[in-house]
Amino acid sequence: MHFEKAPVRMQLIKPANPGLAGLPHKSLREPFGIPAHHNVLSFYFKYPEGNTANYKEAPSMGVMAKALINQYSKAGKRAPDIIFATFGGRESVSATQAFGENFQGYEFIKLSEWSQKYHPSRKFIVANDLKGRMPHILNVSDLSVVSGPINIMEPLSAGTPLLFFNNPSVITDYDPKAFNTFADHAIKTGGAWQLRSLEDLQSVFAQAVSKPSSEIIPPFLLPSGNMLGTPVDQLIQEIISNIQKSMQIIEDVRANPPGR
């Protein structure tokens, strides 16, 4: 996909699935059966296998996951219990090759096998082989890593901190000017950090994993000129706010049932 070189209006870079925006991770994870305390990492890479000739600027998902796990360890934080990953296809090599067969401590499964194979006591690398599930996979995570503009806004819509690559080795045929417009808007949410190479990871990791989801502005509420999103965006946000209030009431009643 090539973007027009003209400036991209905010109305054109809404999340592909704004209906999920603003909902807490807990409500999104419950259908998956993922414990609230588990750490979930998600990837969307246009080319899962990266660029073997220039792996520092364009690492594979496996290389990136290893580097992130190392950062979790250095920071004394819980390593990912689940790693969701782009499955790959067409001209891309599958996630299986991107991670390799010996990713220690993790079992490799497909998302279509989730209900049969997932168990919260084990660690998994889950290849997303189902169409239409990418927003869900990015939004249930505690940290998302993407390489293309299509999915930059998805995790931010749910308050998920985002690391995204922005260099020609990774974005390949995307228009750089349009990509930079997406990048600028993502950074303005307060929850996105761009990487030019693998070496940038250490300097931004601590900020990303310590960012409260409540401080990340949904991207469709970012100011665009004199507008604050579109009327439809504002209506969606109003509905979301009401849902959040209702869910909080439900949680309060569960914690303090009548008659206790």
C-alpha atoms as a PDB file:
ATOM      1  CA  MET A   1       0.000   0.000   0.000  1.00  0.00           C
ATOM      2  CA  HIS A   2       1.289   3.457  -0.887  1.00  0.00           C
ATOM      3  CA  PHE A   3       0.021   6.546   0.867  1.00  0.00           C
ATOM      4  CA  GLU A   4      -0.556   9.873  -0.865  1.00  0.00           C
ATOM      5  CA  LYS A   5       2.258  12.334  -0.365  1.00  0.00           C
ATOM      6  CA  ALA A   6      -0.170  15.042   0.711  1.00  0.00           C
ATOM      7  CA  PRO A   7      -0.493  15.574   4.482  1.00  0.00           C
ATOM      8  CA  VAL A   8      -2.704  12.924   6.029  1.00  0.00           C
ATOM      9  CA  ARG A   9      -5.806  14.292   7.769  1.00  0.00           C
ATOM     10  CA  MET A  10      -6.605  12.987  11.234  1.00  0.00           C
ATOM     11  CA  GLN A  11      -9.905  11.594   9.945  1.00  0.00           C
ATOM     12  CA  LEU A  12      -7.933   9.231   7.696  1.00  0.00           C
ATOM     13  CA  ILE A  13      -5.804   7.698  10.416  1.00  0.00           C
ATOM     14  CA  LYS A  14      -8.440   6.554  12.864  1.00  0.00           C
ATOM     15  CA  PRO A  15      -7.916   3.053  14.232  1.00  0.00           C
ATOM     16  CA  ALA A  16      -9.206   0.365  11.877  1.00  0.00           C
ATOM     17  CA  ASN A  17     -11.305  -0.918  14.756  1.00  0.00           C
ATOM     18  CA  PRO A  18     -12.213   2.033  17.026  1.00  0.00           C
ATOM     19  CA  GLY A  19     -14.950  -0.006  18.687  1.00  0.00           C
ATOM     20  CA  LEU A  20     -12.248  -1.601  20.852  1.00  0.00           C
ATOM     21  CA  ALA A  21     -10.732   1.730  21.830  1.00  0.00           C
ATOM     22  CA  GLY A  22     -10.541   2.630  25.481  1.00  0.00           C
ATOM     23  CA  LEU A  23     -11.722  -0.711  26.818  1.00  0.00           C
ATOM     24  CA  PRO A  24      -9.474  -1.999  29.631  1.00  0.00           C
ATOM     25  CA  HIS A  25      -7.163  -4.905  28.978  1.00  0.00           C
ATOM     26  CA  LYS A  26      -8.971  -7.035  31.513  1.00  0.00           C
ATOM     27  CA  SER A  27     -12.223  -7.007  29.560  1.00  0.00           C
ATOM     28  CA  LEU A  28     -10.384  -7.770  26.320  1.00  0.00           C
ATOM     29  CA  ARG A  29      -8.378 -10.598  27.857  1.00  0.00           C
ATOM     30  CA  GLU A  30     -11.225 -12.434  29.545  1.00  0.00           C
ATOM     31  CA  PRO A  31     -12.429 -14.125  26.323  1.00  0.00           C
ATOM     32  CA  PHE A  32      -8.880 -15.411  25.831  1.00  0.00           C
ATOM     33  CA  GLY A  33      -8.593 -16.685  29.405  1.00  0.00           C
ATOM     34  CA  ILE A  34      -5.366 -14.741  29.973  1.00  0.00           C
ATOM     35  CA  PRO A  35      -4.699 -13.996  33.672  1.00  0.00           C
ATOM     36  CA  ALA A  36      -4.659 -10.281  34.479  1.00  0.00           C
ATOM     37  CA  HIS A  37      -1.137 -10.448  35.940  1.00  0.00           C
ATOM     38  CA  HIS A  38       0.415 -12.132  32.895  1.00  0.00           C
ATOM     39  CA  ASN A  39       2.672 -10.075  30.649  1.00  0.00           C
ATOM     40  CA  VAL A  40       1.651 -10.116  26.977  1.00  0.00           C
ATOM     41  CA  LEU A  41       3.795  -8.909  24.081  1.00  0.00           C
ATOM     42  CA  SER A  42       2.460  -8.481  20.539  1.00  0.00           C
ATOM     43  CA  PHE A  43       4.140  -8.051  17.160  1.00  0.00           C
ATOM     44  CA  TYR A  44       2.991  -6.940  13.746  1.00  0.00           C
ATOM     45  CA  PHE A  45       5.835  -7.018  11.232  1.00  0.00           C
ATOM     46  CA  LYS A  46       5.229  -6.692   7.512  1.00  0.00           C
ATOM     47  CA  TYR A  47       8.215  -8.990   7.026  1.00  0.00           C
ATOM     48  CA  PRO A  48       8.439 -11.264  10.104  1.00  0.00           C
ATOM     49  CA  GLU A  49      11.840 -12.603   9.090  1.00  0.00           C
ATOM     50  CA  GLY A  50      13.406  -9.132   8.997  1.00  0.00           C
ATOM     51  CA  ASN A  51      16.440  -8.302   6.891  1.00  0.00           C
ATOM     52  CA  THR A  52      19.225 -10.772   7.579  1.00  0.00           C
ATOM     53  CA  ALA A  53      21.737  -8.526   5.814  1.00  0.00           C
ATOM     54  CA  ASN A  54      20.921  -5.635   8.114  1.00  0.00           C
ATOM     55  CA  TYR A  55      19.395  -7.237  11.208  1.00  0.00           C
ATOM     56  CA  LYS A  56      20.175  -4.317  13.557  1.00  0.00           C
ATOM     57  CA  GLU A  57      18.076  -1.857  11.565  1.00  0.00           C
ATOM     58  CA  ALA A  58      15.497  -4.419  10.439  1.00  0.00           C
ATOM     59  CA  PRO A  59      15.525  -7.304  12.954  1.00  0.00           C
ATOM     60  CA  SER A  60      13.245 -10.303  12.685  1.00  0.00           C
ATOM     61  CA  MET A  61      10.483 -10.714  15.238  1.00  0.00           C
ATOM     62  CA  GLY A  62      12.579 -13.401  16.910  1.00  0.00           C
ATOM     63  CA  VAL A  63      15.606 -11.126  17.266  1.00  0.00           C
ATOM     64  CA  MET A  64      13.393  -8.320  18.549  1.00  0.00           C
ATOM     65  CA  ALA A  65      11.679 -10.614  21.059  1.00  0.00           C
ATOM     66  CA  LYS A  66      15.041 -11.811  22.389  1.00  0.00           C
ATOM     67  CA  ALA A  67      16.210  -8.226  22.779  1.00  0.00           C
ATOM     68  CA  LEU A  68      13.008  -7.281  24.614  1.00  0.00           C
ATOM     69  CA  ILE A  69      13.204 -10.275  26.950  1.00  0.00           C
ATOM     70  CA  ASN A  70      16.744  -9.184  27.788  1.00  0.00           C
ATOM     71  CA  GLN A  71      15.445  -5.699  28.613  1.00  0.00           C
ATOM     72  CA  TYR A  72      12.697  -7.118  30.862  1.00  0.00           C
ATOM     73  CA  SER A  73      15.375  -9.078  32.718  1.00  0.00           C
ATOM     74  CA  LYS A  74      17.633  -6.045  33.140  1.00  0.00           C
ATOM     75  CA  ALA A  75      14.714  -4.013  34.483  1.00  0.00           C
ATOM     76  CA  GLY A  76      13.723  -6.775  36.912  1.00  0.00           C
ATOM     77  CA  LYS A  77      10.314  -7.105  35.256  1.00  0.00           C
ATOM     78  CA  ARG A  78       8.273 -10.198  34.420  1.00  0.00           C
ATOM     79  CA  ALA A  79       9.211 -11.657  31.053  1.00  0.00           C
ATOM     80  CA  PRO A  80       6.388 -12.081  28.503  1.00  0.00           C
ATOM     81  CA  ASP A  81       4.129 -15.048  29.215  1.00  0.00           C
ATOM     82  CA  ILE A  82       2.621 -14.809  25.740  1.00  0.00           C
ATOM     83  CA  ILE A  83       4.078 -13.431  22.528  1.00  0.00           C
ATOM     84  CA  PHE A  84       1.554 -12.865  19.743  1.00  0.00           C
ATOM     85  CA  ALA A  85       3.119 -12.619  16.303  1.00  0.00           C
ATOM     86  CA  THR A  86       2.353 -11.953  12.662  1.00  0.00           C
ATOM     87  CA  PHE A  87       1.975 -15.263  10.901  1.00  0.00           C
ATOM     88  CA  GLY A  88       3.484 -14.134   7.623  1.00  0.00           C
ATOM     89  CA  GLY A  89       2.570 -15.299   4.156  1.00  0.00           C
ATOM     90  CA  ARG A  90       2.775 -14.384   0.496  1.00  0.00           C
ATOM     91  CA  GLU A  91       6.345 -13.214   0.005  1.00  0.00           C
ATOM     92  CA  SER A  92       7.085 -13.222   3.730  1.00  0.00           C
ATOM     93  CA  VAL A  93       8.526 -16.172   5.568  1.00  0.00           C
ATOM     94  CA  SER A  94       6.259 -17.367   8.371  1.00  0.00           C
ATOM     95  CA  ALA A  95       6.699 -16.455  12.023  1.00  0.00           C
ATOM     96  CA  THR A  96       7.935 -20.011  12.593  1.00  0.00           C
ATOM     97  CA  GLN A  97      11.162 -19.210  10.761  1.00  0.00           C
ATOM     98  CA  ALA A  98      11.367 -15.709  12.219  1.00  0.00           C
ATOM     99  CA  PHE A  99      11.534 -17.107  15.759  1.00  0.00           C
ATOM    100  CA  GLY A 100      13.272 -20.361  14.950  1.00  0.00           C
ATOM    101  CA  GLU A 101      12.591 -23.707  16.579  1.00  0.00           C
ATOM    102  CA  ASN A 102      14.614 -23.219  19.744  1.00  0.00           C
ATOM    103  CA  PHE A 103      13.088 -20.185  21.449  1.00  0.00           C
ATOM    104  CA  GLN A 104      13.789 -21.421  24.947  1.00  0.00           C
ATOM    105  CA  GLY A 105      10.893 -21.730  27.364  1.00  0.00           C
ATOM    106  CA  TYR A 106       8.114 -21.065  24.850  1.00  0.00           C
ATOM    107  CA  GLU A 107       5.773 -23.384  22.992  1.00  0.00           C
ATOM    108  CA  PHE A 108       4.929 -22.347  19.432  1.00  0.00           C
ATOM    109  CA  ILE A 109       1.232 -22.577  18.478  1.00  0.00           C
ATOM    110  CA  LYS A 110      -1.196 -20.976  16.027  1.00  0.00           C
ATOM    111  CA  LEU A 111      -3.989 -18.685  17.177  1.00  0.00           C
ATOM    112  CA  SER A 112      -6.490 -21.075  15.578  1.00  0.00           C
ATOM    113  CA  GLU A 113      -5.274 -23.698  18.094  1.00  0.00           C
ATOM    114  CA  TRP A 114      -5.715 -21.392  21.082  1.00  0.00           C
ATOM    115  CA  SER A 115      -8.768 -23.039  22.677  1.00  0.00           C
ATOM    116  CA  GLN A 116      -7.206 -26.500  22.391  1.00  0.00           C
ATOM    117  CA  LYS A 117      -3.634 -25.731  23.446  1.00  0.00           C
ATOM    118  CA  TYR A 118      -3.506 -22.596  25.598  1.00  0.00           C
ATOM    119  CA  HIS A 119      -2.902 -23.078  29.317  1.00  0.00           C
ATOM    120  CA  PRO A 120      -1.956 -20.203  31.671  1.00  0.00           C
ATOM    121  CA  SER A 121       0.766 -22.270  33.329  1.00  0.00           C
ATOM    122  CA  ARG A 122       2.861 -22.403  30.142  1.00  0.00           C
ATOM    123  CA  LYS A 123       4.510 -19.793  27.914  1.00  0.00           C
ATOM    124  CA  PHE A 124       3.563 -19.451  24.275  1.00  0.00           C
ATOM    125  CA  ILE A 125       4.544 -17.821  21.013  1.00  0.00           C
ATOM    126  CA  VAL A 126       1.215 -17.541  19.193  1.00  0.00           C
ATOM    127  CA  ALA A 127       1.228 -17.060  15.418  1.00  0.00           C
ATOM    128  CA  ASN A 128      -1.833 -15.108  14.342  1.00  0.00           C
ATOM    129  CA  ASP A 129      -3.205 -17.148  11.426  1.00  0.00           C
ATOM    130  CA  LEU A 130      -6.785 -15.789  11.660  1.00  0.00           C
ATOM    131  CA  LYS A 131      -8.074 -12.920   9.548  1.00  0.00           C
ATOM    132  CA  GLY A 132      -9.552  -9.927  11.351  1.00  0.00           C
ATOM    133  CA  ARG A 133      -7.895 -10.672  14.697  1.00  0.00           C
ATOM    134  CA  MET A 134      -4.974  -8.260  14.524  1.00  0.00           C
ATOM    135  CA  PRO A 135      -6.618  -5.389  16.477  1.00  0.00           C
ATOM    136  CA  HIS A 136      -7.618  -7.819  19.242  1.00  0.00           C
ATOM    137  CA  ILE A 137      -4.113  -9.286  19.487  1.00  0.00           C
ATOM    138  CA  LEU A 138      -2.473  -5.855  19.635  1.00  0.00           C
ATOM    139  CA  ASN A 139      -4.984  -4.506  22.141  1.00  0.00           C
ATOM    140  CA  VAL A 140      -4.776  -7.315  24.724  1.00  0.00           C
ATOM    141  CA  SER A 141      -1.031  -6.854  25.074  1.00  0.00           C
ATOM    142  CA  ASP A 142       0.998  -4.882  27.597  1.00  0.00           C
ATOM    143  CA  LEU A 143       3.409  -3.773  24.867  1.00  0.00           C
ATOM    144  CA  SER A 144       3.058  -3.855  21.093  1.00  0.00           C
ATOM    145  CA  VAL A 145       5.780  -3.660  18.462  1.00  0.00           C
ATOM    146  CA  VAL A 146       4.862  -2.879  14.865  1.00  0.00           C
ATOM    147  CA  SER A 147       6.727  -2.084  11.657  1.00  0.00           C
ATOM    148  CA  GLY A 148       4.033  -0.580   9.445  1.00  0.00           C
ATOM    149  CA  PRO A 149       1.609   2.354   9.665  1.00  0.00           C
ATOM    150  CA  ILE A 150      -1.516   0.264   9.163  1.00  0.00           C
ATOM    151  CA  ASN A 151      -1.479  -0.987  12.750  1.00  0.00           C
ATOM    152  CA  ILE A 152       0.242   1.916  14.513  1.00  0.00           C
ATOM    153  CA  MET A 153      -3.048   3.279  15.852  1.00  0.00           C
ATOM    154  CA  GLU A 154      -4.582  -0.035  16.951  1.00  0.00           C
ATOM    155  CA  PRO A 155      -2.749  -0.633  20.256  1.00  0.00           C
ATOM    156  CA  LEU A 156      -2.805   3.049  21.184  1.00  0.00           C
ATOM    157  CA  SER A 157      -6.600   3.033  20.922  1.00  0.00           C
ATOM    158  CA  ALA A 158      -6.677   0.639  23.902  1.00  0.00           C
ATOM    159  CA  GLY A 159      -3.970   2.397  25.882  1.00  0.00           C
ATOM    160  CA  THR A 160      -1.312  -0.152  24.949  1.00  0.00           C
ATOM    161  CA  PRO A 161       2.225   1.313  24.805  1.00  0.00           C
ATOM    162  CA  LEU A 162       3.761   0.975  21.355  1.00  0.00           C
ATOM    163  CA  LEU A 163       7.229   0.652  19.882  1.00  0.00           C
ATOM    164  CA  PHE A 164       7.335   1.100  16.123  1.00  0.00           C
ATOM    165  CA  PHE A 165      10.110   0.986  13.547  1.00  0.00           C
ATOM    166  CA  ASN A 166      10.598   3.922  11.233  1.00  0.00           C
ATOM    167  CA  ASN A 167      13.404   3.350   8.778  1.00  0.00           C
ATOM    168  CA  PRO A 168      13.529   2.418   5.073  1.00  0.00           C
ATOM    169  CA  SER A 169      14.830  -1.086   5.799  1.00  0.00           C
ATOM    170  CA  VAL A 170      11.627  -1.882   7.672  1.00  0.00           C
ATOM    171  CA  ILE A 171       8.865   0.221   6.119  1.00  0.00           C
ATOM    172  CA  THR A 172      10.048  -0.750   2.609  1.00  0.00           C
ATOM    173  CA  ASP A 173       7.509   0.536   0.066  1.00  0.00           C
ATOM    174  CA  TYR A 174       5.427   2.750   2.376  1.00  0.00           C
ATOM    175  CA  ASP A 175       5.617   6.408   1.498  1.00  0.00           C
ATOM    176  CA  PRO A 176       8.077   7.972   4.010  1.00  0.00           C
ATOM    177  CA  LYS A 177       6.296  11.355   4.197  1.00  0.00           C
ATOM    178  CA  ALA A 178       2.937   9.748   4.945  1.00  0.00           C
ATOM    179  CA  PHE A 179       4.546   7.316   7.384  1.00  0.00           C
ATOM    180  CA  ASN A 180       6.135  10.205   9.269  1.00  0.00           C
ATOM    181  CA  THR A 181       2.702  11.828   9.557  1.00  0.00           C
ATOM    182  CA  PHE A 182       1.381   8.638  11.136  1.00  0.00           C
ATOM    183  CA  ALA A 183       4.433   8.529  13.397  1.00  0.00           C
ATOM    184  CA  ASP A 184       3.950  12.119  14.568  1.00  0.00           C
ATOM    185  CA  HIS A 185       0.326  11.485  15.491  1.00  0.00           C
ATOM    186  CA  ALA A 186       1.240   8.253  17.287  1.00  0.00           C
ATOM    187  CA  ILE A 187       3.896   9.996  19.384  1.00  0.00           C
ATOM    188  CA  LYS A 188       1.411  12.738  20.321  1.00  0.00           C
ATOM    189  CA  THR A 189      -0.761  10.140  22.068  1.00  0.00           C
ATOM    190  CA  GLY A 190       1.961   9.934  24.716  1.00  0.00           C
ATOM    191  CA  GLY A 191       2.234   6.174  24.336  1.00  0.00           C
ATOM    192  CA  ALA A 192       4.413   5.555  21.268  1.00  0.00           C
ATOM    193  CA  TRP A 193       8.164   5.520  20.745  1.00  0.00           C
ATOM    194  CA  GLN A 194       9.828   5.092  17.381  1.00  0.00           C
ATOM    195  CA  LEU A 195      12.881   2.972  16.733  1.00  0.00           C
ATOM    196  CA  ARG A 196      15.351   3.667  13.976  1.00  0.00           C
ATOM    197  CA  SER A 197      17.318   0.544  14.817  1.00  0.00           C
ATOM    198  CA  LEU A 198      17.592  -2.194  17.413  1.00  0.00           C
ATOM    199  CA  GLU A 199      20.080  -0.048  19.312  1.00  0.00           C
ATOM    200  CA  ASP A 200      17.317   2.437  20.192  1.00  0.00           C
ATOM    201  CA  LEU A 201      15.504  -0.171  22.257  1.00  0.00           C
ATOM    202  CA  GLN A 202      17.445   0.289  25.479  1.00  0.00           C
ATOM    203  CA  SER A 203      16.765   4.029  25.654  1.00  0.00           C
ATOM    204  CA  VAL A 204      12.966   3.758  25.247  1.00  0.00           C
ATOM    205  CA  PHE A 205      12.100   0.417  26.854  1.00  0.00           C
ATOM    206  CA  ALA A 206      11.753   1.687  30.434  1.00  0.00           C
ATOM    207  CA  GLN A 207       9.459   4.507  29.323  1.00  0.00           C
ATOM    208  CA  ALA A 208       7.223   2.167  27.333  1.00  0.00           C
ATOM    209  CA  VAL A 209       6.733  -0.522  29.981  1.00  0.00           C
ATOM    210  CA  SER A 210       6.114   1.996  32.757  1.00  0.00           C
ATOM    211  CA  LYS A 211       3.521   4.061  30.867  1.00  0.00           C
ATOM    212  CA  PRO A 212       0.036   3.834  32.449  1.00  0.00           C
ATOM    213  CA  SER A 213      -2.636   3.076  29.870  1.00  0.00           C
ATOM    214  CA  SER A 214      -4.789   5.837  31.340  1.00  0.00           C
ATOM    215  CA  GLU A 215      -2.247   8.431  30.211  1.00  0.00           C
ATOM    216  CA  ILE A 216      -2.322   7.408  26.544  1.00  0.00           C
ATOM    217  CA  ILE A 217      -4.683   9.600  24.508  1.00  0.00           C
ATOM    218  CA  PRO A 218      -6.895   7.642  22.078  1.00  0.00           C
ATOM    219  CA  PRO A 219      -5.540   8.637  18.643  1.00  0.00           C
ATOM    220  CA  PHE A 220      -8.907   9.672  17.236  1.00  0.00           C
ATOM    221  CA  LEU A 221      -9.195  12.320  19.986  1.00  0.00           C
ATOM    222  CA  LEU A 222      -5.960  14.058  19.030  1.00  0.00           C
ATOM    223  CA  PRO A 223      -6.526  17.633  17.808  1.00  0.00           C
ATOM    224  CA  SER A 224      -6.504  18.009  14.022  1.00  0.00           C
ATOM    225  CA  GLY A 225      -6.500  21.703  13.208  1.00  0.00           C
ATOM    226  CA  ASN A 226      -9.522  23.110  15.020  1.00  0.00           C
ATOM    227  CA  MET A 227     -11.242  19.732  15.192  1.00  0.00           C
ATOM    228  CA  LEU A 228     -11.177  17.146  17.921  1.00  0.00           C
ATOM    229  CA  GLY A 229     -11.782  14.126  15.758  1.00  0.00           C
ATOM    230  CA  THR A 230     -15.005  13.811  13.787  1.00  0.00           C
ATOM    231  CA  PRO A 231     -18.567  13.826  15.193  1.00  0.00           C
ATOM    232  CA  VAL A 232     -18.568  10.051  14.766  1.00  0.00           C
ATOM    233  CA  ASP A 233     -15.322   9.794  16.746  1.00  0.00           C
ATOM    234  CA  GLN A 234     -16.788  11.890  19.539  1.00  0.00           C
ATOM    235  CA  LEU A 235     -19.903   9.726  19.627  1.00  0.00           C
ATOM    236  CA  ILE A 236     -17.774   6.583  19.788  1.00  0.00           C
ATOM    237  CA  GLN A 237     -15.771   8.040  22.664  1.00  0.00           C
ATOM    238  CA  GLU A 238     -18.958   8.970  24.514  1.00  0.00           C
ATOM    239  CA  ILE A 239     -20.223   5.402  24.134  1.00  0.00           C
ATOM    240  CA  ILE A 240     -16.864   4.055  25.284  1.00  0.00           C
ATOM    241  CA  SER A 241     -16.897   6.311  28.343  1.00  0.00           C
ATOM    242  CA  ASN A 242     -20.350   5.045  29.275  1.00  0.00           C
ATOM    243  CA  ILE A 243     -19.196   1.440  28.850  1.00  0.00           C
ATOM    244  CA  GLN A 244     -16.188   2.106  31.068  1.00  0.00           C
ATOM    245  CA  LYS A 245     -18.400   3.635  33.767  1.00  0.00           C
ATOM    246  CA  SER A 246     -20.758   0.650  33.580  1.00  0.00           C
ATOM    247  CA  MET A 247     -17.861  -1.794  33.839  1.00  0.00           C
ATOM    248  CA  GLN A 248     -16.503   0.060  36.856  1.00  0.00           C
ATOM    249  CA  ILE A 249     -19.893  -0.185  38.553  1.00  0.00           C
ATOM    250  CA  ILE A 250     -19.943  -3.931  37.848  1.00  0.00           C
ATOM    251  CA  GLU A 251     -16.440  -4.312  39.299  1.00  0.00           C
ATOM    252  CA  ASP A 252     -17.424  -2.329  42.401  1.00  0.00           C
ATOM    253  CA  VAL A 253     -20.498  -4.511  42.942  1.00  0.00           C
ATOM    254  CA  ARG A 254     -18.426  -7.668  42.507  1.00  0.00           C
ATOM    255  CA  ALA A 255     -15.907  -6.414  45.044  1.00  0.00           C
ATOM    256  CA  ASN A 256     -18.606  -5.307  47.480  1.00  0.00           C
ATOM    257  CA  PRO A 257     -21.753  -7.395  46.842  1.00  0.00           C
ATOM    258  CA  PRO A 258     -24.989  -6.184  48.487  1.00  0.00           C
ATOM    259  CA  GLY A 259     -25.565  -7.633  51.929  1.00  0.00           C
ATOM    260  CA  ARG A 260     -21.910  -8.332  52.632  1.00  0.00           C
END
